[in-house]
């Protein structure tokens, strides 16, 4: 039996983005923003996004993640680019 979809999936706390360094020609030229969640149950981001999509809130959760990444963008050097996967 499939468990019922929970409407609280997007309500879980999304941390500030984590950064993965992208190196091109021996220098750091961009960061990829990675999403991490804090809350129960503990699970990987793909499962949180899948559950949010299942209850019709996938786009809302992606927007929250993108907003957090853009807020943190100001902490990077001006010549650094930011990559997002949404």
N, C-alpha and C. Protein backbone atom coordinates (compact mmCIF):
# COMPACT_ATOMS: atom_id res chain seq x y z
N UNK A 1 0.83 -1.17 0.00
CA UNK A 1 0.00 0.00 0.00
C UNK A 1 0.89 1.25 0.00
N UNK A 2 0.55 2.17 -0.85
CA UNK A 2 1.31 3.41 -0.94
C UNK A 2 0.96 4.30 0.24
N UNK A 3 1.98 4.90 0.87
CA UNK A 3 1.71 5.80 1.99
C UNK A 3 1.10 7.09 1.47
N UNK A 4 0.24 7.72 2.24
CA UNK A 4 -0.37 8.97 1.79
C UNK A 4 0.66 10.08 1.68
N UNK A 5 0.46 10.93 0.70
CA UNK A 5 1.37 12.07 0.53
C UNK A 5 1.18 13.04 1.68
N UNK A 6 2.28 13.59 2.16
CA UNK A 6 2.21 14.55 3.26
C UNK A 6 2.31 15.95 2.71
N UNK A 7 1.46 16.83 3.15
CA UNK A 7 1.44 18.21 2.67
C UNK A 7 2.51 19.06 3.35
N UNK A 8 3.25 18.51 4.32
CA UNK A 8 4.24 19.31 5.03
C UNK A 8 5.63 19.23 4.40
N UNK A 9 5.79 18.50 3.32
CA UNK A 9 7.12 18.32 2.75
C UNK A 9 7.85 19.65 2.51
N UNK A 10 7.22 20.66 1.89
CA UNK A 10 7.95 21.91 1.66
C UNK A 10 8.15 22.73 2.93
N UNK A 11 7.47 22.39 4.01
CA UNK A 11 7.60 23.16 5.24
C UNK A 11 8.88 22.82 5.99
N UNK A 12 9.53 21.74 5.61
CA UNK A 12 10.77 21.37 6.28
C UNK A 12 11.79 22.48 6.08
N UNK A 13 12.66 22.68 7.04
CA UNK A 13 13.65 23.76 6.95
C UNK A 13 14.67 23.48 5.86
N UNK A 14 14.84 24.41 4.97
CA UNK A 14 15.87 24.33 3.94
C UNK A 14 17.04 25.16 4.46
N UNK A 15 18.19 24.55 4.55
CA UNK A 15 19.35 25.29 5.05
C UNK A 15 19.83 26.28 4.01
N UNK A 16 20.79 27.09 4.42
CA UNK A 16 21.43 27.93 3.41
C UNK A 16 22.12 26.99 2.44
N UNK A 17 22.28 27.43 1.22
CA UNK A 17 22.87 26.53 0.23
C UNK A 17 24.28 26.08 0.60
N UNK A 18 24.62 24.91 0.14
CA UNK A 18 25.99 24.41 0.24
C UNK A 18 26.61 24.65 -1.13
N UNK A 19 27.90 24.91 -1.15
CA UNK A 19 28.56 25.24 -2.40
C UNK A 19 29.49 24.12 -2.84
N UNK A 20 29.41 23.78 -4.11
CA UNK A 20 30.37 22.86 -4.71
C UNK A 20 31.21 23.68 -5.67
N UNK A 21 32.51 23.61 -5.53
CA UNK A 21 33.44 24.40 -6.34
C UNK A 21 33.55 23.79 -7.74
N UNK A 22 33.54 24.66 -8.75
CA UNK A 22 33.80 24.25 -10.12
C UNK A 22 35.10 24.92 -10.54
N UNK A 23 36.08 24.12 -10.92
CA UNK A 23 37.41 24.64 -11.29
C UNK A 23 37.58 24.51 -12.80
N UNK A 24 37.99 25.62 -13.42
CA UNK A 24 38.24 25.64 -14.84
C UNK A 24 39.63 26.22 -15.07
N UNK A 25 40.46 25.48 -15.73
CA UNK A 25 41.83 25.92 -16.02
C UNK A 25 42.56 26.35 -14.75
N UNK A 26 42.51 25.52 -13.74
CA UNK A 26 43.24 25.69 -12.49
C UNK A 26 42.79 26.85 -11.61
N UNK A 27 41.64 27.42 -11.89
CA UNK A 27 41.14 28.46 -11.00
C UNK A 27 39.64 28.27 -10.75
N UNK A 28 39.22 28.72 -9.60
CA UNK A 28 37.81 28.63 -9.24
C UNK A 28 37.07 29.71 -10.01
N UNK A 29 36.10 29.31 -10.84
CA UNK A 29 35.37 30.32 -11.59
C UNK A 29 33.87 30.27 -11.34
N UNK A 30 33.41 29.24 -10.65
CA UNK A 30 31.98 29.19 -10.33
C UNK A 30 31.73 28.22 -9.18
N UNK A 31 30.57 28.38 -8.59
CA UNK A 31 30.09 27.46 -7.57
C UNK A 31 28.74 26.93 -8.01
N UNK A 32 28.51 25.68 -7.70
CA UNK A 32 27.18 25.11 -7.91
C UNK A 32 26.50 25.10 -6.56
N UNK A 33 25.28 25.59 -6.51
CA UNK A 33 24.53 25.63 -5.27
C UNK A 33 23.81 24.30 -5.06
N UNK A 34 24.04 23.69 -3.92
CA UNK A 34 23.42 22.41 -3.59
C UNK A 34 22.42 22.60 -2.46
N UNK A 35 21.32 21.91 -2.53
CA UNK A 35 20.27 22.03 -1.51
C UNK A 35 20.44 20.97 -0.43
N UNK A 36 20.32 21.38 0.81
CA UNK A 36 20.36 20.46 1.94
C UNK A 36 19.16 20.77 2.84
N UNK A 37 18.58 19.74 3.40
CA UNK A 37 17.40 19.89 4.25
C UNK A 37 17.72 19.48 5.68
N UNK A 38 17.07 20.15 6.62
CA UNK A 38 17.14 19.78 8.03
C UNK A 38 15.73 19.46 8.47
N UNK A 39 15.54 18.32 9.04
CA UNK A 39 14.22 17.93 9.49
C UNK A 39 14.07 16.43 9.45
N UNK A 40 12.96 16.00 9.94
CA UNK A 40 12.67 14.57 9.97
C UNK A 40 11.55 14.27 8.98
N UNK A 41 11.62 13.16 8.33
CA UNK A 41 12.68 12.16 8.40
C UNK A 41 13.91 12.63 7.63
N UNK A 42 15.08 12.17 8.06
CA UNK A 42 16.33 12.50 7.38
C UNK A 42 16.35 11.72 6.06
N UNK A 43 16.53 12.47 4.96
CA UNK A 43 16.63 11.81 3.66
C UNK A 43 17.25 12.76 2.65
N UNK A 44 17.56 12.25 1.51
CA UNK A 44 18.26 13.02 0.48
C UNK A 44 17.33 14.04 -0.18
N UNK A 45 17.91 15.11 -0.74
CA UNK A 45 17.09 16.15 -1.37
C UNK A 45 16.16 15.63 -2.47
N UNK A 46 16.61 14.65 -3.26
CA UNK A 46 15.75 14.16 -4.33
C UNK A 46 14.44 13.59 -3.80
N UNK A 47 14.48 13.00 -2.61
CA UNK A 47 13.25 12.45 -2.03
C UNK A 47 12.32 13.55 -1.54
N UNK A 48 12.88 14.63 -0.97
CA UNK A 48 12.04 15.77 -0.56
C UNK A 48 11.39 16.41 -1.77
N UNK A 49 12.16 16.61 -2.84
CA UNK A 49 11.61 17.22 -4.04
C UNK A 49 10.55 16.33 -4.68
N UNK A 50 10.77 15.02 -4.70
CA UNK A 50 9.79 14.09 -5.27
C UNK A 50 8.48 14.13 -4.48
N UNK A 51 8.59 14.16 -3.16
CA UNK A 51 7.37 14.19 -2.35
C UNK A 51 6.63 15.51 -2.53
N UNK A 52 7.36 16.60 -2.60
CA UNK A 52 6.72 17.90 -2.83
C UNK A 52 5.99 17.90 -4.17
N UNK A 53 6.60 17.34 -5.20
CA UNK A 53 5.97 17.27 -6.51
C UNK A 53 4.71 16.39 -6.46
N UNK A 54 4.79 15.33 -5.69
CA UNK A 54 3.65 14.40 -5.55
C UNK A 54 2.41 15.09 -5.00
N UNK A 55 2.59 16.07 -4.15
CA UNK A 55 1.45 16.77 -3.55
C UNK A 55 1.21 18.14 -4.20
N UNK A 56 1.83 18.37 -5.37
CA UNK A 56 1.58 19.59 -6.11
C UNK A 56 2.36 20.80 -5.63
N UNK A 57 3.43 20.58 -4.86
CA UNK A 57 4.20 21.70 -4.33
C UNK A 57 5.66 21.68 -4.77
N UNK A 58 5.95 20.92 -5.82
CA UNK A 58 7.33 20.81 -6.29
C UNK A 58 7.91 22.14 -6.74
N UNK A 59 7.14 22.90 -7.51
CA UNK A 59 7.63 24.19 -7.99
C UNK A 59 7.85 25.14 -6.82
N UNK A 60 6.94 25.12 -5.85
CA UNK A 60 7.10 25.98 -4.66
C UNK A 60 8.40 25.68 -3.94
N UNK A 61 8.73 24.41 -3.78
CA UNK A 61 9.96 24.04 -3.09
C UNK A 61 11.18 24.46 -3.91
N UNK A 62 11.12 24.31 -5.22
CA UNK A 62 12.23 24.75 -6.06
C UNK A 62 12.43 26.26 -5.95
N UNK A 63 11.35 27.02 -5.90
CA UNK A 63 11.45 28.48 -5.77
C UNK A 63 12.11 28.85 -4.45
N UNK A 64 11.75 28.18 -3.36
CA UNK A 64 12.38 28.44 -2.06
C UNK A 64 13.88 28.22 -2.16
N UNK A 65 14.27 27.11 -2.77
CA UNK A 65 15.70 26.79 -2.92
C UNK A 65 16.41 27.86 -3.75
N UNK A 66 15.82 28.24 -4.88
CA UNK A 66 16.45 29.25 -5.75
C UNK A 66 16.58 30.58 -5.02
N UNK A 67 15.54 30.98 -4.28
CA UNK A 67 15.61 32.24 -3.51
C UNK A 67 16.74 32.21 -2.50
N UNK A 68 16.90 31.09 -1.79
CA UNK A 68 17.99 30.97 -0.80
C UNK A 68 19.35 31.07 -1.47
N UNK A 69 19.50 30.43 -2.62
CA UNK A 69 20.78 30.48 -3.33
C UNK A 69 21.08 31.89 -3.80
N UNK A 70 20.08 32.59 -4.31
CA UNK A 70 20.30 33.96 -4.78
C UNK A 70 20.60 34.91 -3.62
N UNK A 71 19.99 34.68 -2.45
CA UNK A 71 20.31 35.49 -1.28
C UNK A 71 21.78 35.33 -0.90
N UNK A 72 22.30 34.12 -1.02
CA UNK A 72 23.69 33.85 -0.65
C UNK A 72 24.67 34.30 -1.73
N UNK A 73 24.18 34.57 -2.92
CA UNK A 73 25.05 34.97 -4.02
C UNK A 73 25.90 36.19 -3.67
N UNK A 74 25.36 37.09 -2.88
CA UNK A 74 26.10 38.31 -2.52
C UNK A 74 27.34 38.02 -1.67
N UNK A 75 27.46 36.81 -1.15
CA UNK A 75 28.62 36.47 -0.34
C UNK A 75 29.80 36.00 -1.20
N UNK A 76 29.57 35.82 -2.50
CA UNK A 76 30.62 35.36 -3.40
C UNK A 76 31.31 36.54 -4.05
N UNK A 77 32.54 36.33 -4.48
CA UNK A 77 33.26 37.37 -5.22
C UNK A 77 32.47 37.75 -6.47
N UNK A 78 32.64 38.98 -6.91
CA UNK A 78 31.89 39.48 -8.05
C UNK A 78 32.18 38.72 -9.35
N UNK A 79 33.38 38.17 -9.48
CA UNK A 79 33.75 37.47 -10.71
C UNK A 79 33.39 35.97 -10.69
N UNK A 80 32.74 35.54 -9.63
CA UNK A 80 32.35 34.13 -9.52
C UNK A 80 30.92 33.96 -10.02
N UNK A 81 30.73 32.92 -10.82
CA UNK A 81 29.39 32.60 -11.32
C UNK A 81 28.73 31.56 -10.43
N UNK A 82 27.41 31.53 -10.48
CA UNK A 82 26.65 30.59 -9.67
C UNK A 82 25.82 29.71 -10.60
N UNK A 83 25.85 28.39 -10.37
CA UNK A 83 25.04 27.45 -11.13
C UNK A 83 23.96 26.89 -10.22
N UNK A 84 22.77 26.72 -10.79
CA UNK A 84 21.64 26.13 -10.07
C UNK A 84 21.09 24.98 -10.89
N UNK A 85 20.64 23.96 -10.23
CA UNK A 85 19.92 22.88 -10.88
C UNK A 85 18.50 22.90 -10.34
N UNK A 86 17.56 23.19 -11.19
CA UNK A 86 16.15 23.22 -10.76
C UNK A 86 15.28 22.59 -11.81
